[in-house]
Every structure is written in structure tokens, then in C-alpha cells.
PDB file of N, CA and C in Angstrom:
ATOM      1  N   UNK A   1     115.388 123.677  68.169  1.00  0.00           N
ATOM      2  CA  UNK A   1     115.036 122.525  67.975  1.00  0.00           C
ATOM      3  C   UNK A   1     114.003 121.812  69.273  1.00  0.00           C
ATOM      4  N   UNK A   2     113.624 120.738  69.263  1.00  0.00           N
ATOM      5  CA  UNK A   2     112.937 120.649  69.955  1.00  0.00           C
ATOM      6  C   UNK A   2     113.776 120.242  71.463  1.00  0.00           C
ATOM      7  N   UNK A   3     112.201 120.509  72.245  1.00  0.00           N
ATOM      8  CA  UNK A   3     112.393 119.787  74.134  1.00  0.00           C
ATOM      9  C   UNK A   3     112.202 119.335  74.493  1.00  0.00           C
ATOM     10  N   UNK A   4     112.893 118.320  75.463  1.00  0.00           N
ATOM     11  CA  UNK A   4     112.261 117.633  76.779  1.00  0.00           C
ATOM     12  C   UNK A   4     113.001 118.522  77.505  1.00  0.00           C
ATOM     13  N   UNK A   5     111.540 117.276  78.719  1.00  0.00           N
ATOM     14  CA  UNK A   5     111.044 118.255  80.051  1.00  0.00           C
ATOM     15  C   UNK A   5     111.529 116.964  81.016  1.00  0.00           C
ATOM     16  N   UNK A   6     113.192 116.775  81.958  1.00  0.00           N
ATOM     17  CA  UNK A   6     113.118 115.710  83.127  1.00  0.00           C
ATOM     18  C   UNK A   6     112.708 116.558  83.881  1.00  0.00           C
ATOM     19  N   UNK A   7     111.133 115.582  84.793  1.00  0.00           N
ATOM     20  CA  UNK A   7     110.950 115.870  86.337  1.00  0.00           C
ATOM     21  C   UNK A   7     110.484 114.674  87.171  1.00  0.00           C
ATOM     22  N   UNK A   8     111.788 116.025  88.216  1.00  0.00           N
ATOM     23  CA  UNK A   8     112.245 114.483  89.018  1.00  0.00           C
ATOM     24  C   UNK A   8     112.251 114.790  90.685  1.00  0.00           C
ATOM     25  N   UNK A   9     110.163 114.820  90.540  1.00  0.00           N
ATOM     26  CA  UNK A   9     109.574 115.844  91.659  1.00  0.00           C
ATOM     27  C   UNK A   9     109.306 117.233  91.571  1.00  0.00           C
ATOM     28  N   UNK A  10     111.082 117.744  92.794  1.00  0.00           N
ATOM     29  CA  UNK A  10     110.739 119.175  92.713  1.00  0.00           C
ATOM     30  C   UNK A  10     112.272 119.229  92.355  1.00  0.00           C
ATOM     31  N   UNK A  11     112.565 118.851  90.921  1.00  0.00           N
ATOM     32  CA  UNK A  11     113.104 119.251  90.590  1.00  0.00           C
ATOM     33  C   UNK A  11     113.214 118.762  89.086  1.00  0.00           C
ATOM     34  N   UNK A  12     113.288 120.294  88.016  1.00  0.00           N
ATOM     35  CA  UNK A  12     112.892 120.517  86.754  1.00  0.00           C
ATOM     36  C   UNK A  12     114.177 120.282  85.196  1.00  0.00           C
ATOM     37  N   UNK A  13     114.142 119.593  85.576  1.00  0.00           N
ATOM     38  CA  UNK A  13     115.858 120.043  84.156  1.00  0.00           C
ATOM     39  C   UNK A  13     115.081 120.136  82.464  1.00  0.00           C
ATOM     40  N   UNK A  14     115.847 121.054  82.065  1.00  0.00           N
ATOM     41  CA  UNK A  14     114.862 121.100  80.584  1.00  0.00           C
ATOM     42  C   UNK A  14     116.011 120.864  79.407  1.00  0.00           C
ATOM     43  N   UNK A  15     115.897 120.594  78.590  1.00  0.00           N
ATOM     44  CA  UNK A  15     117.352 119.866  77.844  1.00  0.00           C
ATOM     45  C   UNK A  15     116.877 120.325  75.792  1.00  0.00           C
ATOM     46  N   UNK A  16     117.814 120.558  75.428  1.00  0.00           N
ATOM     47  CA  UNK A  16     117.194 120.364  73.652  1.00  0.00           C
ATOM     48  C   UNK A  16     117.937 119.111  72.780  1.00  0.00           C
ATOM     49  N   UNK A  17     116.819 118.970  71.763  1.00  0.00           N
ATOM     50  CA  UNK A  17     116.869 117.255  71.711  1.00  0.00           C
ATOM     51  C   UNK A  17     117.536 117.657  70.363  1.00  0.00           C
ATOM     52  N   UNK A  18     119.278 116.722  69.845  1.00  0.00           N
ATOM     53  CA  UNK A  18     119.828 116.927  68.462  1.00  0.00           C
ATOM     54  C   UNK A  18     119.523 116.014  67.649  1.00  0.00           C
ATOM     55  N   UNK A  19     119.908 116.433  66.673  1.00  0.00           N
ATOM     56  CA  UNK A  19     119.531 116.154  65.240  1.00  0.00           C
ATOM     57  C   UNK A  19     120.305 114.827  64.902  1.00  0.00           C
ATOM     58  N   UNK A  20     119.175 113.527  65.993  1.00  0.00           N
ATOM     59  CA  UNK A  20     120.172 112.189  66.038  1.00  0.00           C
ATOM     60  C   UNK A  20     119.623 110.963  66.358  1.00  0.00           C
ATOM     61  N   UNK A  21     119.909 109.661  65.194  1.00  0.00           N
ATOM     62  CA  UNK A  21     118.524 108.538  65.515  1.00  0.00           C
ATOM     63  C   UNK A  21     118.119 108.882  67.101  1.00  0.00           C
ATOM     64  N   UNK A  22     118.989 108.244  67.184  1.00  0.00           N
ATOM     65  CA  UNK A  22     119.085 107.952  69.476  1.00  0.00           C
ATOM     66  C   UNK A  22     117.415 108.851  70.149  1.00  0.00           C
ATOM     67  N   UNK A  23     118.007 110.298  70.009  1.00  0.00           N
ATOM     68  CA  UNK A  23     116.633 111.803  69.959  1.00  0.00           C
ATOM     69  C   UNK A  23     115.539 111.776  69.143  1.00  0.00           C
ATOM     70  N   UNK A  24     115.269 110.804  67.820  1.00  0.00           N
ATOM     71  CA  UNK A  24     114.104 111.059  67.234  1.00  0.00           C
ATOM     72  C   UNK A  24     113.682 109.651  67.688  1.00  0.00           C
ATOM     73  N   UNK A  25     113.843 108.909  68.772  1.00  0.00           N
ATOM     74  CA  UNK A  25     113.592 107.514  69.494  1.00  0.00           C
ATOM     75  C   UNK A  25     113.335 107.747  70.475  1.00  0.00           C
ATOM     76  N   UNK A  26     113.864 108.589  71.605  1.00  0.00           N
ATOM     77  CA  UNK A  26     113.416 108.985  72.518  1.00  0.00           C
ATOM     78  C   UNK A  26     112.092 110.031  72.729  1.00  0.00           C
ATOM     79  N   UNK A  27     112.179 110.435  71.584  1.00  0.00           N
ATOM     80  CA  UNK A  27     111.640 112.007  71.128  1.00  0.00           C
ATOM     81  C   UNK A  27     109.453 111.277  70.753  1.00  0.00           C
ATOM     82  N   UNK A  28     109.387 110.195  70.376  1.00  0.00           N
ATOM     83  CA  UNK A  28     108.189 109.344  69.621  1.00  0.00           C
ATOM     84  C   UNK A  28     108.056 108.210  70.956  1.00  0.00           C
ATOM     85  N   UNK A  29     109.030 107.602  71.833  1.00  0.00           N
ATOM     86  CA  UNK A  29     108.448 106.627  73.183  1.00  0.00           C
ATOM     87  C   UNK A  29     107.512 108.345  73.602  1.00  0.00           C
ATOM     88  N   UNK A  30     107.805 110.056  73.737  1.00  0.00           N
ATOM     89  CA  UNK A  30     107.246 110.147  75.126  1.00  0.00           C
ATOM     90  C   UNK A  30     106.057 110.516  74.710  1.00  0.00           C
ATOM     91  N   UNK A  31     105.196 110.111  76.371  1.00  0.00           N
ATOM     92  CA  UNK A  31     106.044 110.770  77.387  1.00  0.00           C
ATOM     93  C   UNK A  31     106.789 109.172  78.080  1.00  0.00           C
ATOM     94  N   UNK A  32     107.737 109.880  78.833  1.00  0.00           N
ATOM     95  CA  UNK A  32     108.622 107.968  79.719  1.00  0.00           C
ATOM     96  C   UNK A  32     108.362 108.126  81.018  1.00  0.00           C
ATOM     97  N   UNK A  33     107.724 107.000  81.953  1.00  0.00           N
ATOM     98  CA  UNK A  33     108.243 107.084  83.416  1.00  0.00           C
ATOM     99  C   UNK A  33     108.932 105.754  83.726  1.00  0.00           C
ATOM    100  N   UNK A  34     110.013 106.974  84.953  1.00  0.00           N
ATOM    101  CA  UNK A  34     110.329 105.802  85.455  1.00  0.00           C
ATOM    102  C   UNK A  34     111.311 106.159  86.486  1.00  0.00           C
ATOM    103  N   UNK A  35     112.116 105.274  86.715  1.00  0.00           N
ATOM    104  CA  UNK A  35     112.669 105.583  88.762  1.00  0.00           C
ATOM    105  C   UNK A  35     113.639 105.579  88.088  1.00  0.00           C
ATOM    106  N   UNK A  36     114.504 106.332  88.719  1.00  0.00           N
ATOM    107  CA  UNK A  36     115.714 107.373  89.291  1.00  0.00           C
ATOM    108  C   UNK A  36     116.445 106.201  90.170  1.00  0.00           C
ATOM    109  N   UNK A  37     118.034 105.680  88.807  1.00  0.00           N
ATOM    110  CA  UNK A  37     119.104 104.899  89.647  1.00  0.00           C
ATOM    111  C   UNK A  37     120.084 106.444  89.259  1.00  0.00           C
ATOM    112  N   UNK A  38     121.133 105.488  91.034  1.00  0.00           N
ATOM    113  CA  UNK A  38     121.647 106.495  90.662  1.00  0.00           C
ATOM    114  C   UNK A  38     123.975 105.874  91.184  1.00  0.00           C
ATOM    115  N   UNK A  39     124.806 106.278  90.140  1.00  0.00           N
ATOM    116  CA  UNK A  39     125.762 105.416  90.197  1.00  0.00           C
ATOM    117  C   UNK A  39     127.012 106.300  90.439  1.00  0.00           C
ATOM    118  N   UNK A  40     127.532 107.126  91.038  1.00  0.00           N
ATOM    119  CA  UNK A  40     128.907 108.310  91.611  1.00  0.00           C
ATOM    120  C   UNK A  40     128.191 109.059  91.586  1.00  0.00           C
ATOM    121  N   UNK A  41     128.552 110.092  90.372  1.00  0.00           N
ATOM    122  CA  UNK A  41     127.811 111.473  90.181  1.00  0.00           C
ATOM    123  C   UNK A  41     126.749 111.023  88.683  1.00  0.00           C
ATOM    124  N   UNK A  42     125.616 110.176  88.668  1.00  0.00           N
ATOM    125  CA  UNK A  42     124.708 110.172  87.425  1.00  0.00           C
ATOM    126  C   UNK A  42     124.130 109.598  88.242  1.00  0.00           C
ATOM    127  N   UNK A  43     123.323 109.998  86.946  1.00  0.00           N
ATOM    128  CA  UNK A  43     121.564 110.261  87.062  1.00  0.00           C
ATOM    129  C   UNK A  43     120.908 108.917  86.214  1.00  0.00           C
ATOM    130  N   UNK A  44     120.731 108.211  85.774  1.00  0.00           N
ATOM    131  CA  UNK A  44     120.143 107.569  85.376  1.00  0.00           C
ATOM    132  C   UNK A  44     119.185 106.029  85.584  1.00  0.00           C
ATOM    133  N   UNK A  45     118.382 105.591  84.258  1.00  0.00           N
ATOM    134  CA  UNK A  45     116.754 105.871  84.314  1.00  0.00           C
ATOM    135  C   UNK A  45     116.602 105.012  83.448  1.00  0.00           C
ATOM    136  N   UNK A  46     115.968 103.290  83.224  1.00  0.00           N
ATOM    137  CA  UNK A  46     115.431 102.581  82.034  1.00  0.00           C
ATOM    138  C   UNK A  46     114.287 102.882  81.657  1.00  0.00           C
ATOM    139  N   UNK A  47     114.677 102.911  80.296  1.00  0.00           N
ATOM    140  CA  UNK A  47     113.100 103.681  79.301  1.00  0.00           C
ATOM    141  C   UNK A  47     112.604 102.244  77.926  1.00  0.00           C
ATOM    142  N   UNK A  48     111.843 102.567  77.993  1.00  0.00           N
ATOM    143  CA  UNK A  48     111.081 102.200  76.840  1.00  0.00           C
ATOM    144  C   UNK A  48     111.624 101.353  74.832  1.00  0.00           C
ATOM    145  N   UNK A  49     112.921 102.066  75.634  1.00  0.00           N
ATOM    146  CA  UNK A  49     113.499 102.527  74.299  1.00  0.00           C
ATOM    147  C   UNK A  49     114.261 101.591  73.115  1.00  0.00           C
ATOM    148  N   UNK A  50     115.383 101.648  72.527  1.00  0.00           N
ATOM    149  CA  UNK A  50     115.962  99.699  71.572  1.00  0.00           C
ATOM    150  C   UNK A  50     116.960 100.503  70.373  1.00  0.00           C
ATOM    151  N   UNK A  51     118.211 101.203  70.501  1.00  0.00           N
ATOM    152  CA  UNK A  51     118.053 101.548  69.606  1.00  0.00           C
ATOM    153  C   UNK A  51     119.700 101.499  69.657  1.00  0.00           C
ATOM    154  N   UNK A  52     119.913 100.735  68.142  1.00  0.00           N
ATOM    155  CA  UNK A  52     121.662 100.737  68.650  1.00  0.00           C
ATOM    156  C   UNK A  52     122.671 101.714  68.925  1.00  0.00           C
ATOM    157  N   UNK A  53     124.468 100.963  69.331  1.00  0.00           N
ATOM    158  CA  UNK A  53     125.543 102.403  69.652  1.00  0.00           C
ATOM    159  C   UNK A  53     125.411 103.396  68.216  1.00  0.00           C
ATOM    160  N   UNK A  54     125.777 104.537  68.179  1.00  0.00           N
ATOM    161  CA  UNK A  54     126.236 105.546  67.080  1.00  0.00           C
ATOM    162  C   UNK A  54     127.710 105.241  66.859  1.00  0.00           C
ATOM    163  N   UNK A  55     128.012 105.802  65.968  1.00  0.00           N
ATOM    164  CA  UNK A  55     129.202 105.244  65.454  1.00  0.00           C
ATOM    165  C   UNK A  55     129.455 106.609  66.334  1.00  0.00           C
ATOM    166  N   UNK A  56     129.278 107.413  66.630  1.00  0.00           N
ATOM    167  CA  UNK A  56     129.949 108.717  67.177  1.00  0.00           C
ATOM    168  C   UNK A  56     129.691 108.076  69.010  1.00  0.00           C
ATOM    169  N   UNK A  57     129.110 106.969  70.017  1.00  0.00           N
ATOM    170  CA  UNK A  57     129.143 107.094  71.247  1.00  0.00           C
ATOM    171  C   UNK A  57     130.905 107.281  71.659  1.00  0.00           C
ATOM    172  N   UNK A  58     130.113 107.190  73.197  1.00  0.00           N
ATOM    173  CA  UNK A  58     131.894 107.351  73.917  1.00  0.00           C
ATOM    174  C   UNK A  58     131.105 107.492  75.446  1.00  0.00           C
ATOM    175  N   UNK A  59     132.244 107.408  75.688  1.00  0.00           N
ATOM    176  CA  UNK A  59     132.045 106.892  77.471  1.00  0.00           C
ATOM    177  C   UNK A  59     132.337 107.852  78.037  1.00  0.00           C
ATOM    178  N   UNK A  60     132.714 109.078  77.504  1.00  0.00           N
ATOM    179  CA  UNK A  60     133.440 110.273  78.049  1.00  0.00           C
ATOM    180  C   UNK A  60     132.619 111.512  77.746  1.00  0.00           C
ATOM    181  N   UNK A  61     131.622 112.009  78.940  1.00  0.00           N
ATOM    182  CA  UNK A  61     130.501 112.933  78.321  1.00  0.00           C
ATOM    183  C   UNK A  61     131.194 114.861  78.887  1.00  0.00           C
ATOM    184  N   UNK A  62     130.383 115.491  78.818  1.00  0.00           N
ATOM    185  CA  UNK A  62     130.136 116.733  79.354  1.00  0.00           C
ATOM    186  C   UNK A  62     129.495 117.194  80.047  1.00  0.00           C
ATOM    187  N   UNK A  63     129.839 117.932  81.317  1.00  0.00           N
ATOM    188  CA  UNK A  63     128.560 117.705  81.962  1.00  0.00           C
ATOM    189  C   UNK A  63     128.148 118.980  80.663  1.00  0.00           C
ATOM    190  N   UNK A  64     126.484 118.795  81.338  1.00  0.00           N
ATOM    191  CA  UNK A  64     125.408 118.923  80.481  1.00  0.00           C
ATOM    192  C   UNK A  64     124.290 118.246  79.270  1.00  0.00           C
ATOM    193  N   UNK A  65     125.442 116.926  78.725  1.00  0.00           N
ATOM    194  CA  UNK A  65     125.322 116.064  77.718  1.00  0.00           C
ATOM    195  C   UNK A  65     124.558 115.259  78.222  1.00  0.00           C
ATOM    196  N   UNK A  66     123.082 115.469  77.811  1.00  0.00           N
ATOM    197  CA  UNK A  66     122.387 113.846  77.748  1.00  0.00           C
ATOM    198  C   UNK A  66     122.649 112.438  77.112  1.00  0.00           C
ATOM    199  N   UNK A  67     122.496 111.715  77.727  1.00  0.00           N
ATOM    200  CA  UNK A  67     122.765 110.566  77.086  1.00  0.00           C
ATOM    201  C   UNK A  67     122.552 109.121  76.591  1.00  0.00           C
ATOM    202  N   UNK A  68     122.032 108.610  76.349  1.00  0.00           N
ATOM    203  CA  UNK A  68     121.051 107.468  75.711  1.00  0.00           C
ATOM    204  C   UNK A  68     122.254 105.825  76.051  1.00  0.00           C
ATOM    205  N   UNK A  69     122.484 104.690  76.944  1.00  0.00           N
ATOM    206  CA  UNK A  69     122.698 104.002  76.825  1.00  0.00           C
ATOM    207  C   UNK A  69     122.407 102.349  76.755  1.00  0.00           C
ATOM    208  N   UNK A  70     122.546 102.637  75.355  1.00  0.00           N
ATOM    209  CA  UNK A  70     122.327 101.726  74.665  1.00  0.00           C
ATOM    210  C   UNK A  70     121.738  99.760  75.512  1.00  0.00           C
ATOM    211  N   UNK A  71     122.869  99.720  75.973  1.00  0.00           N
ATOM    212  CA  UNK A  71     122.914  98.740  77.506  1.00  0.00           C
ATOM    213  C   UNK A  71     122.571  98.199  78.629  1.00  0.00           C
ATOM    214  N   UNK A  72     121.493  99.990  78.705  1.00  0.00           N
ATOM    215  CA  UNK A  72     120.596  99.655  79.986  1.00  0.00           C
ATOM    216  C   UNK A  72     119.589  98.977  79.170  1.00  0.00           C
ATOM    217  N   UNK A  73     118.380  99.373  78.895  1.00  0.00           N
ATOM    218  CA  UNK A  73     118.694 100.756  78.266  1.00  0.00           C
ATOM    219  C   UNK A  73     117.581 101.900  78.918  1.00  0.00           C
ATOM    220  N   UNK A  74     118.721 102.469  78.602  1.00  0.00           N
ATOM    221  CA  UNK A  74     118.264 103.855  79.303  1.00  0.00           C
ATOM    222  C   UNK A  74     119.133 105.228  79.464  1.00  0.00           C
ATOM    223  N   UNK A  75     118.396 106.049  80.582  1.00  0.00           N
ATOM    224  CA  UNK A  75     119.563 107.434  80.151  1.00  0.00           C
ATOM    225  C   UNK A  75     119.890 107.724  80.568  1.00  0.00           C
ATOM    226  N   UNK A  76     120.899 107.868  80.089  1.00  0.00           N
ATOM    227  CA  UNK A  76     122.644 108.804  82.100  1.00  0.00           C
ATOM    228  C   UNK A  76     122.823 109.835  81.521  1.00  0.00           C
ATOM    229  N   UNK A  77     122.958 110.366  83.095  1.00  0.00           N
ATOM    230  CA  UNK A  77     122.817 112.017  83.180  1.00  0.00           C
ATOM    231  C   UNK A  77     124.123 112.251  84.056  1.00  0.00           C
ATOM    232  N   UNK A  78     125.011 112.200  83.354  1.00  0.00           N
ATOM    233  CA  UNK A  78     126.616 112.224  84.555  1.00  0.00           C
ATOM    234  C   UNK A  78     127.004 113.335  84.515  1.00  0.00           C
ATOM    235  N   UNK A  79     126.732 114.354  86.016  1.00  0.00           N
ATOM    236  CA  UNK A  79     127.483 115.686  86.218  1.00  0.00           C
ATOM    237  C   UNK A  79     128.669 115.546  86.847  1.00  0.00           C
ATOM    238  N   UNK A  80     129.257 114.823  86.906  1.00  0.00           N
ATOM    239  CA  UNK A  80     130.362 114.431  88.031  1.00  0.00           C
ATOM    240  C   UNK A  80     131.368 113.163  87.745  1.00  0.00           C
ATOM    241  N   UNK A  81     131.278 112.721  88.765  1.00  0.00           N
ATOM    242  CA  UNK A  81     133.130 111.310  88.798  1.00  0.00           C
ATOM    243  C   UNK A  81     132.158 109.977  88.821  1.00  0.00           C
ATOM    244  N   UNK A  82     132.043 110.029  88.397  1.00  0.00           N
ATOM    245  CA  UNK A  82     131.030 108.243  88.656  1.00  0.00           C
ATOM    246  C   UNK A  82     133.190 106.904  89.144  1.00  0.00           C
ATOM    247  N   UNK A  83     132.245 105.635  89.573  1.00  0.00           N
ATOM    248  CA  UNK A  83     133.259 104.870  90.155  1.00  0.00           C
ATOM    249  C   UNK A  83     134.234 105.080  88.850  1.00  0.00           C
ATOM    250  N   UNK A  84     133.974 104.929  87.907  1.00  0.00           N
ATOM    251  CA  UNK A  84     135.715 104.474  86.941  1.00  0.00           C
ATOM    252  C   UNK A  84     136.101 105.646  85.693  1.00  0.00           C
ATOM    253  N   UNK A  85     135.778 107.104  86.698  1.00  0.00           N
ATOM    254  CA  UNK A  85     136.049 108.367  85.669  1.00  0.00           C
ATOM    255  C   UNK A  85     137.109 108.631  86.372  1.00  0.00           C
ATOM    256  N   UNK A  86     139.038 108.426  85.183  1.00  0.00           N
ATOM    257  CA  UNK A  86     140.022 109.059  85.809  1.00  0.00           C
ATOM    258  C   UNK A  86     140.570 110.708  85.572  1.00  0.00           C
ATOM    259  N   UNK A  87     141.106 110.742  87.030  1.00  0.00           N
ATOM    260  CA  UNK A  87     140.681 112.590  87.558  1.00  0.00           C
ATOM    261  C   UNK A  87     139.413 112.632  86.721  1.00  0.00           C
ATOM    262  N   UNK A  88     138.820 113.687  87.009  1.00  0.00           N
ATOM    263  CA  UNK A  88     137.766 114.953  87.006  1.00  0.00           C
ATOM    264  C   UNK A  88     136.826 114.799  85.618  1.00  0.00           C
ATOM    265  N   UNK A  89     137.251 113.900  84.858  1.00  0.00           N
ATOM    266  CA  UNK A  89     136.164 113.468  83.623  1.00  0.00           C
ATOM    267  C   UNK A  89     134.267 112.610  84.244  1.00  0.00           C
ATOM    268  N   UNK A  90     133.833 113.055  82.894  1.00  0.00           N
ATOM    269  CA  UNK A  90     132.544 111.835  83.399  1.00  0.00           C
ATOM    270  C   UNK A  90     132.757 111.053  82.489  1.00  0.00           C
ATOM    271  N   UNK A  91     132.891 109.740  82.745  1.00  0.00           N
ATOM    272  CA  UNK A  91     133.327 108.481  82.755  1.00  0.00           C
ATOM    273  C   UNK A  91     132.004 107.990  83.113  1.00  0.00           C
ATOM    274  N   UNK A  92     131.005 107.788  81.954  1.00  0.00           N
ATOM    275  CA  UNK A  92     129.700 106.569  82.298  1.00  0.00           C
ATOM    276  C   UNK A  92     130.735 104.736  81.809  1.00  0.00           C
ATOM    277  N   UNK A  93     129.711 104.438  82.647  1.00  0.00           N
ATOM    278  CA  UNK A  93     129.885 102.679  82.134  1.00  0.00           C
ATOM    279  C   UNK A  93     130.358 101.631  80.836  1.00  0.00           C
ATOM    280  N   UNK A  94     129.671 102.650  80.420  1.00  0.00           N
ATOM    281  CA  UNK A  94     130.499 102.170  78.674  1.00  0.00           C
ATOM    282  C   UNK A  94     129.813 103.278  77.637  1.00  0.00           C
ATOM    283  N   UNK A  95     130.159 103.276  75.765  1.00  0.00           N
ATOM    284  CA  UNK A  95     129.612 103.395  75.003  1.00  0.00           C
ATOM    285  C   UNK A  95     128.245 104.534  75.845  1.00  0.00           C
ATOM    286  N   UNK A  96     128.046 105.928  74.866  1.00  0.00           N
ATOM    287  CA  UNK A  96     126.104 106.149  74.302  1.00  0.00           C
ATOM    288  C   UNK A  96     126.365 107.379  74.138  1.00  0.00           C
ATOM    289  N   UNK A  97     125.863 107.806  73.501  1.00  0.00           N
ATOM    290  CA  UNK A  97     125.460 108.190  72.408  1.00  0.00           C
ATOM    291  C   UNK A  97     124.643 109.309  72.669  1.00  0.00           C
ATOM    292  N   UNK A  98     125.040 110.657  73.187  1.00  0.00           N
ATOM    293  CA  UNK A  98     124.200 111.459  73.317  1.00  0.00           C
ATOM    294  C   UNK A  98     123.531 112.207  73.015  1.00  0.00           C
ATOM    295  N   UNK A  99     122.446 112.052  73.112  1.00  0.00           N
ATOM    296  CA  UNK A  99     121.098 113.240  72.380  1.00  0.00           C
ATOM    297  C   UNK A  99     120.301 114.141  72.165  1.00  0.00           C
ATOM    298  N   UNK A 100     121.057 115.203  73.506  1.00  0.00           N
ATOM    299  CA  UNK A 100     120.564 115.943  73.924  1.00  0.00           C
ATOM    300  C   UNK A 100     121.570 116.568  74.318  1.00  0.00           C
ATOM    301  N   UNK A 101     121.339 118.325  74.782  1.00  0.00           N
ATOM    302  CA  UNK A 101     122.078 119.196  75.637  1.00  0.00           C
ATOM    303  C   UNK A 101     120.290 120.050  76.696  1.00  0.00           C
ATOM    304  N   UNK A 102     121.479 119.784  78.045  1.00  0.00           N
ATOM    305  CA  UNK A 102     120.929 120.234  79.127  1.00  0.00           C
ATOM    306  C   UNK A 102     120.896 121.892  78.783  1.00  0.00           C
ATOM    307  N   UNK A 103     119.853 122.809  79.965  1.00  0.00           N
ATOM    308  CA  UNK A 103     120.009 124.220  79.294  1.00  0.00           C
ATOM    309  C   UNK A 103     120.317 124.310  80.609  1.00  0.00           C
ATOM    310  N   UNK A 104     119.535 123.438  81.673  1.00  0.00           N
ATOM    311  CA  UNK A 104     120.550 124.487  83.269  1.00  0.00           C
ATOM    312  C   UNK A 104     121.257 122.995  83.903  1.00  0.00           C
ATOM    313  N   UNK A 105     122.247 123.707  84.705  1.00  0.00           N
ATOM    314  CA  UNK A 105     123.350 123.073  85.350  1.00  0.00           C
ATOM    315  C   UNK A 105     122.930 121.811  85.715  1.00  0.00           C
ATOM    316  N   UNK A 106     123.298 121.073  85.231  1.00  0.00           N
ATOM    317  CA  UNK A 106     122.901 119.504  86.264  1.00  0.00           C
ATOM    318  C   UNK A 106     123.171 118.848  86.625  1.00  0.00           C
ATOM    319  N   UNK A 107     124.431 119.631  87.789  1.00  0.00           N
ATOM    320  CA  UNK A 107     124.879 119.274  88.730  1.00  0.00           C
ATOM    321  C   UNK A 107     123.609 119.368  89.872  1.00  0.00           C
ATOM    322  N   UNK A 108     122.603 120.359  89.515  1.00  0.00           N
ATOM    323  CA  UNK A 108     121.326 120.510  90.737  1.00  0.00           C
ATOM    324  C   UNK A 108     121.136 118.294  90.590  1.00  0.00           C
ATOM    325  N   UNK A 109     120.821 117.684  90.296  1.00  0.00           N
ATOM    326  CA  UNK A 109     120.224 116.861  90.338  1.00  0.00           C
ATOM    327  C   UNK A 109     121.910 115.864  91.285  1.00  0.00           C
ATOM    328  N   UNK A 110     122.467 116.434  92.133  1.00  0.00           N
ATOM    329  CA  UNK A 110     123.220 115.620  92.902  1.00  0.00           C
ATOM    330  C   UNK A 110     122.280 114.927  94.342  1.00  0.00           C
ATOM    331  N   UNK A 111     120.931 116.564  94.073  1.00  0.00           N
ATOM    332  CA  UNK A 111     119.642 116.564  94.724  1.00  0.00           C
ATOM    333  C   UNK A 111     118.784 114.549  94.741  1.00  0.00           C
ATOM    334  N   UNK A 112     119.128 114.363  93.732  1.00  0.00           N
ATOM    335  CA  UNK A 112     117.694 113.212  93.122  1.00  0.00           C
ATOM    336  C   UNK A 112     118.972 111.796  93.609  1.00  0.00           C
ATOM    337  N   UNK A 113     117.812 111.182  94.623  1.00  0.00           N
ATOM    338  CA  UNK A 113     118.185 109.906  95.331  1.00  0.00           C
ATOM    339  C   UNK A 113     117.854 108.800  94.796  1.00  0.00           C
ATOM    340  N   UNK A 114     117.652 108.055  94.683  1.00  0.00           N
ATOM    341  CA  UNK A 114     116.919 105.871  94.344  1.00  0.00           C
ATOM    342  C   UNK A 114     116.221 105.640  94.375  1.00  0.00           C
ATOM    343  N   UNK A 115     115.064 105.710  93.019  1.00  0.00           N
ATOM    344  CA  UNK A 115     113.999 105.103  93.449  1.00  0.00           C
ATOM    345  C   UNK A 115     113.365 106.623  93.011  1.00  0.00           C
ATOM    346  N   UNK A 116     113.795 107.553  93.207  1.00  0.00           N
ATOM    347  CA  UNK A 116     112.695 108.636  92.899  1.00  0.00           C
ATOM    348  C   UNK A 116     112.278 108.673  91.136  1.00  0.00           C
ATOM    349  N   UNK A 117     110.861 109.217  91.849  1.00  0.00           N
ATOM    350  CA  UNK A 117     109.900 108.726  90.499  1.00  0.00           C
ATOM    351  C   UNK A 117     110.993 109.774  89.514  1.00  0.00           C
ATOM    352  N   UNK A 118     110.318 109.573  88.319  1.00  0.00           N
ATOM    353  CA  UNK A 118     110.908 110.859  86.604  1.00  0.00           C
ATOM    354  C   UNK A 118     109.541 110.410  85.762  1.00  0.00           C
ATOM    355  N   UNK A 119     109.701 111.514  84.970  1.00  0.00           N
ATOM    356  CA  UNK A 119     108.542 111.510  83.847  1.00  0.00           C
ATOM    357  C   UNK A 119     109.351 112.801  83.665  1.00  0.00           C
ATOM    358  N   UNK A 120     109.167 112.115  81.590  1.00  0.00           N
ATOM    359  CA  UNK A 120     110.161 112.843  80.290  1.00  0.00           C
ATOM    360  C   UNK A 120     108.528 112.893  79.634  1.00  0.00           C
ATOM    361  N   UNK A 121     108.680 114.444  79.002  1.00  0.00           N
ATOM    362  CA  UNK A 121     107.798 115.116  78.164  1.00  0.00           C
ATOM    363  C   UNK A 121     108.689 115.745  77.636  1.00  0.00           C
ATOM    364  N   UNK A 122     107.761 115.713  75.978  1.00  0.00           N
ATOM    365  CA  UNK A 122     108.103 116.586  75.280  1.00  0.00           C
ATOM    366  C   UNK A 122     107.736 118.007  76.035  1.00  0.00           C
ATOM    367  N   UNK A 123     108.431 119.050  75.055  1.00  0.00           N
ATOM    368  CA  UNK A 123     107.963 120.697  75.767  1.00  0.00           C
ATOM    369  C   UNK A 123     107.341 121.821  74.754  1.00  0.00           C
ATOM    370  N   UNK A 124     106.308 122.018  74.944  1.00  0.00           N
ATOM    371  CA  UNK A 124     105.678 123.359  73.437  1.00  0.00           C
ATOM    372  C   UNK A 124     104.760 122.230  72.720  1.00  0.00           C
TER     373      UNK A 124
END
């Protein structure tokens, strides 16, 4: 599977793209530069990609799933509770397209602050 890298200043996160229309659209738009926004234990950032919500879109994700939020449009990486979570679930604002899986612990994103510059690139 193709991989992408998220650079958040001192922190990097690699992810494996899934075989979805959203993953293809994100890959085609690379490299992407943006600035981080945070919402509870979620980092998200605007991207210049427009994709419709996929049939299997969902609001609750698991740690390590990397999602595209059509309403943004933005990439959203949830790693814990958000203001709309119930219990310990990772619930994003509305249904998202999961397009990649992180290859390391996304809880490290707790260190990312709003305004942090982000660069997303292809690996290899």
C-alpha cells in the first residue's frame, strides 16, 4: 500500500493509504501544506480536496484511522474524546471517509497545538 507522511514540526506520523476514492484524491493532491486546528482530542486541517461522503462514512472512528471530513473539507485525526464523544469513543463532528491507517501511535498528536504548520507528502 502507498504511504503518506504527516509532518507536524517536531512530530511525524506515517500512514498507509487504503484503497478508496478519497485516498486516491488525497494522494493526487500531494504535497499539501496547512495549519492545525484542534477540537478536543482531534487534530484537523483544511485540504484542497473535494470528495463526496462515501457509502461507509461514519462519525465514530478508532485510534489510528485517518479520515477526510467532507464538510471541511479537511483531514481529521481523532486520538481520543471530542466534545461530542459518548463515553470513551472517538466521535468526530459528522460522518467522515476513513482513507488511511496510522503506522504509529496517534496519541502523540496531543502535543500538536492549533496553528502548527502541517505538511503531507508521499513516502517513497
